[in-house]
N, C-alpha and C. Protein backbone atom coordinates (compact mmCIF):
# COMPACT_ATOMS: atom_id res chain seq x y z
N MET A 1 -13.78 -13.84 -233.95
CA MET A 1 -13.11 -12.92 -233.07
C MET A 1 -13.64 -13.15 -231.65
N THR A 2 -12.75 -13.24 -230.68
CA THR A 2 -13.18 -13.39 -229.30
C THR A 2 -12.95 -12.09 -228.55
N PHE A 3 -14.00 -11.58 -227.97
CA PHE A 3 -13.95 -10.40 -227.13
C PHE A 3 -13.83 -10.89 -225.69
N ARG A 4 -12.86 -10.35 -224.94
CA ARG A 4 -12.59 -10.85 -223.59
C ARG A 4 -12.35 -9.70 -222.63
N LEU A 5 -12.90 -9.85 -221.42
CA LEU A 5 -12.68 -8.89 -220.34
C LEU A 5 -12.09 -9.63 -219.15
N ASP A 6 -11.18 -8.99 -218.45
CA ASP A 6 -10.61 -9.58 -217.25
C ASP A 6 -11.66 -9.70 -216.15
N ALA A 7 -11.37 -10.53 -215.17
CA ALA A 7 -12.28 -10.75 -214.03
C ALA A 7 -12.57 -9.45 -213.29
N GLY A 8 -13.82 -9.32 -212.85
CA GLY A 8 -14.21 -8.20 -212.00
C GLY A 8 -14.45 -6.89 -212.69
N ARG A 9 -14.54 -6.87 -213.99
CA ARG A 9 -14.73 -5.60 -214.69
C ARG A 9 -15.87 -5.70 -215.66
N PRO A 10 -16.94 -5.07 -215.50
CA PRO A 10 -17.59 -4.56 -214.29
C PRO A 10 -18.58 -5.60 -213.77
N ASP A 11 -19.32 -5.27 -212.72
CA ASP A 11 -20.35 -6.17 -212.20
C ASP A 11 -21.53 -6.21 -213.17
N GLY A 12 -22.29 -7.29 -213.13
CA GLY A 12 -23.51 -7.40 -213.94
C GLY A 12 -23.25 -7.92 -215.34
N THR A 13 -24.28 -7.84 -216.15
CA THR A 13 -24.26 -8.32 -217.53
C THR A 13 -23.49 -7.35 -218.42
N VAL A 14 -22.74 -7.90 -219.37
CA VAL A 14 -21.99 -7.08 -220.34
C VAL A 14 -22.22 -7.64 -221.73
N SER A 15 -22.51 -6.76 -222.68
CA SER A 15 -22.64 -7.14 -224.09
C SER A 15 -21.60 -6.38 -224.90
N VAL A 16 -21.11 -7.00 -225.98
CA VAL A 16 -20.30 -6.26 -226.94
C VAL A 16 -21.27 -5.84 -228.04
N VAL A 17 -21.25 -4.57 -228.36
CA VAL A 17 -22.13 -4.02 -229.38
C VAL A 17 -21.30 -3.24 -230.39
N GLY A 18 -21.72 -3.27 -231.62
CA GLY A 18 -20.97 -2.58 -232.65
C GLY A 18 -21.68 -2.61 -233.98
N ASP A 19 -20.99 -2.11 -234.99
CA ASP A 19 -21.63 -2.08 -236.30
C ASP A 19 -21.80 -3.47 -236.89
N PHE A 20 -21.11 -4.49 -236.34
CA PHE A 20 -21.27 -5.87 -236.82
C PHE A 20 -22.56 -6.51 -236.33
N ASN A 21 -23.22 -5.92 -235.32
CA ASN A 21 -24.51 -6.46 -234.86
C ASN A 21 -25.59 -5.39 -234.76
N GLY A 22 -25.41 -4.32 -235.54
CA GLY A 22 -26.42 -3.26 -235.58
C GLY A 22 -26.53 -2.48 -234.28
N TRP A 23 -25.49 -2.53 -233.44
CA TRP A 23 -25.47 -1.84 -232.15
C TRP A 23 -26.63 -2.28 -231.26
N ARG A 24 -27.00 -3.57 -231.35
CA ARG A 24 -28.10 -4.12 -230.56
C ARG A 24 -27.58 -4.75 -229.27
N PRO A 25 -27.84 -4.13 -228.12
CA PRO A 25 -27.43 -4.71 -226.84
C PRO A 25 -28.07 -6.09 -226.63
N GLY A 26 -27.31 -6.98 -226.01
CA GLY A 26 -27.83 -8.32 -225.71
C GLY A 26 -27.61 -9.33 -226.80
N THR A 27 -27.27 -8.89 -228.02
CA THR A 27 -27.05 -9.82 -229.12
C THR A 27 -25.82 -10.69 -228.86
N HIS A 28 -24.76 -10.10 -228.34
CA HIS A 28 -23.52 -10.83 -228.03
C HIS A 28 -23.14 -10.55 -226.58
N GLU A 29 -23.77 -11.29 -225.69
CA GLU A 29 -23.52 -11.14 -224.25
C GLU A 29 -22.31 -11.97 -223.84
N LEU A 30 -21.42 -11.38 -223.07
CA LEU A 30 -20.23 -12.09 -222.60
C LEU A 30 -20.61 -13.09 -221.52
N VAL A 31 -19.97 -14.26 -221.56
CA VAL A 31 -20.22 -15.34 -220.62
C VAL A 31 -19.07 -15.39 -219.62
N VAL A 32 -19.41 -15.54 -218.34
CA VAL A 32 -18.39 -15.63 -217.29
C VAL A 32 -17.71 -17.00 -217.36
N ARG A 33 -16.38 -16.99 -217.35
CA ARG A 33 -15.57 -18.20 -217.39
C ARG A 33 -15.18 -18.62 -215.97
N ARG A 34 -14.60 -19.78 -215.81
CA ARG A 34 -14.19 -20.29 -214.50
C ARG A 34 -13.25 -19.35 -213.76
N ASP A 35 -12.36 -18.69 -214.51
CA ASP A 35 -11.38 -17.80 -213.87
C ASP A 35 -11.94 -16.41 -213.57
N GLY A 36 -13.24 -16.21 -213.86
CA GLY A 36 -13.88 -14.93 -213.60
C GLY A 36 -13.84 -13.97 -214.77
N SER A 37 -13.03 -14.28 -215.78
CA SER A 37 -13.02 -13.44 -216.98
C SER A 37 -14.33 -13.68 -217.74
N ARG A 38 -14.59 -12.86 -218.73
CA ARG A 38 -15.79 -13.01 -219.56
C ARG A 38 -15.38 -12.97 -221.02
N SER A 39 -16.12 -13.69 -221.84
CA SER A 39 -15.81 -13.66 -223.27
C SER A 39 -17.03 -14.05 -224.10
N VAL A 40 -16.95 -13.67 -225.36
CA VAL A 40 -17.92 -14.08 -226.36
C VAL A 40 -17.20 -14.09 -227.70
N SER A 41 -17.51 -15.08 -228.52
CA SER A 41 -16.91 -15.17 -229.86
C SER A 41 -17.94 -14.75 -230.90
N VAL A 42 -17.48 -13.95 -231.85
CA VAL A 42 -18.33 -13.44 -232.91
C VAL A 42 -17.64 -13.72 -234.24
N THR A 43 -18.37 -14.28 -235.19
CA THR A 43 -17.82 -14.52 -236.52
C THR A 43 -17.85 -13.23 -237.32
N LEU A 44 -16.68 -12.80 -237.79
CA LEU A 44 -16.57 -11.56 -238.56
C LEU A 44 -15.82 -11.84 -239.85
N VAL A 45 -16.27 -11.21 -240.93
CA VAL A 45 -15.52 -11.27 -242.19
C VAL A 45 -14.45 -10.19 -242.14
N PRO A 46 -13.41 -10.32 -242.94
CA PRO A 46 -12.36 -9.31 -242.93
C PRO A 46 -12.92 -7.90 -243.17
N GLY A 47 -12.39 -6.96 -242.42
CA GLY A 47 -12.81 -5.57 -242.54
C GLY A 47 -12.52 -4.80 -241.27
N GLU A 48 -13.09 -3.60 -241.15
CA GLU A 48 -12.95 -2.77 -239.96
C GLU A 48 -14.30 -2.65 -239.28
N TYR A 49 -14.28 -2.71 -237.97
CA TYR A 49 -15.51 -2.66 -237.17
C TYR A 49 -15.32 -1.71 -235.99
N ARG A 50 -16.35 -0.98 -235.67
CA ARG A 50 -16.38 -0.12 -234.49
C ARG A 50 -17.23 -0.83 -233.44
N PHE A 51 -16.77 -0.78 -232.18
CA PHE A 51 -17.51 -1.48 -231.12
C PHE A 51 -17.26 -0.83 -229.76
N ARG A 52 -18.14 -1.15 -228.82
CA ARG A 52 -18.01 -0.76 -227.42
C ARG A 52 -18.65 -1.87 -226.58
N TYR A 53 -18.46 -1.79 -225.27
CA TYR A 53 -19.13 -2.69 -224.34
C TYR A 53 -20.23 -1.93 -223.64
N LEU A 54 -21.33 -2.63 -223.33
CA LEU A 54 -22.44 -2.05 -222.59
C LEU A 54 -22.73 -2.95 -221.39
N ALA A 55 -22.61 -2.37 -220.19
CA ALA A 55 -22.82 -3.12 -218.95
C ALA A 55 -24.16 -2.76 -218.34
N THR A 56 -24.56 -3.56 -217.36
CA THR A 56 -25.79 -3.33 -216.61
C THR A 56 -25.85 -1.87 -216.15
N GLY A 57 -27.03 -1.28 -216.25
CA GLY A 57 -27.22 0.10 -215.82
C GLY A 57 -26.90 1.11 -216.90
N GLY A 58 -26.68 0.65 -218.14
CA GLY A 58 -26.41 1.57 -219.23
C GLY A 58 -25.00 2.14 -219.24
N VAL A 59 -24.05 1.43 -218.63
CA VAL A 59 -22.66 1.88 -218.56
C VAL A 59 -21.91 1.44 -219.81
N TRP A 60 -21.50 2.40 -220.64
CA TRP A 60 -20.71 2.12 -221.83
C TRP A 60 -19.24 2.24 -221.50
N PHE A 61 -18.40 1.37 -222.08
CA PHE A 61 -16.96 1.51 -221.92
C PHE A 61 -16.25 0.88 -223.11
N ASP A 62 -15.00 1.29 -223.29
CA ASP A 62 -14.20 0.85 -224.43
C ASP A 62 -13.20 -0.21 -224.02
N ASP A 63 -12.68 -0.90 -225.00
CA ASP A 63 -11.67 -1.93 -224.80
C ASP A 63 -10.30 -1.34 -225.11
N GLU A 64 -9.45 -1.26 -224.10
CA GLU A 64 -8.12 -0.69 -224.27
C GLU A 64 -7.27 -1.51 -225.24
N ALA A 65 -7.65 -2.76 -225.51
CA ALA A 65 -6.91 -3.61 -226.42
C ALA A 65 -7.35 -3.45 -227.88
N ALA A 66 -8.28 -2.53 -228.15
CA ALA A 66 -8.74 -2.29 -229.53
C ALA A 66 -7.57 -1.81 -230.38
N ASP A 67 -7.69 -1.98 -231.69
CA ASP A 67 -6.64 -1.51 -232.60
C ASP A 67 -6.49 0.00 -232.55
N ALA A 68 -7.57 0.72 -232.24
CA ALA A 68 -7.54 2.18 -232.08
C ALA A 68 -8.75 2.57 -231.25
N LEU A 69 -8.66 3.70 -230.57
CA LEU A 69 -9.77 4.25 -229.77
C LEU A 69 -9.96 5.71 -230.14
N ASP A 70 -11.22 6.13 -230.20
CA ASP A 70 -11.54 7.54 -230.38
C ASP A 70 -12.88 7.80 -229.71
N GLY A 71 -13.46 8.93 -229.89
CA GLY A 71 -14.72 9.28 -229.25
C GLY A 71 -15.88 8.38 -229.63
N GLY A 72 -15.76 7.61 -230.70
CA GLY A 72 -16.83 6.73 -231.15
C GLY A 72 -16.68 5.30 -230.70
N GLY A 73 -15.66 5.03 -229.87
CA GLY A 73 -15.44 3.66 -229.38
C GLY A 73 -14.16 3.09 -229.91
N GLY A 74 -14.09 1.75 -229.91
CA GLY A 74 -12.89 1.06 -230.37
C GLY A 74 -13.01 0.67 -231.82
N LEU A 75 -11.88 0.60 -232.48
CA LEU A 75 -11.81 0.16 -233.86
C LEU A 75 -11.10 -1.19 -233.89
N LEU A 76 -11.68 -2.13 -234.59
CA LEU A 76 -11.14 -3.47 -234.72
C LEU A 76 -10.89 -3.74 -236.20
N ARG A 77 -9.68 -4.17 -236.52
CA ARG A 77 -9.35 -4.55 -237.89
C ARG A 77 -9.18 -6.06 -237.94
N VAL A 78 -9.99 -6.71 -238.77
CA VAL A 78 -9.95 -8.17 -238.91
C VAL A 78 -9.34 -8.54 -240.23
């Protein structure tokens, strides 16, 4: 699964964290691409996963492209 953010959102380091990596920040850090977007690929087995993004300064945010969103973050169905 590739997690991707458009260019310029937000400044600083961003990690994708979720139940697939024990909610450990820094485990899956997004890499800046030539076009300014960021992405990271994570190998996932079929199932449902909850995740959020964590940016520099402790800023948490959700992915509007998730299969569903609620107060606990985004839901991803693989």
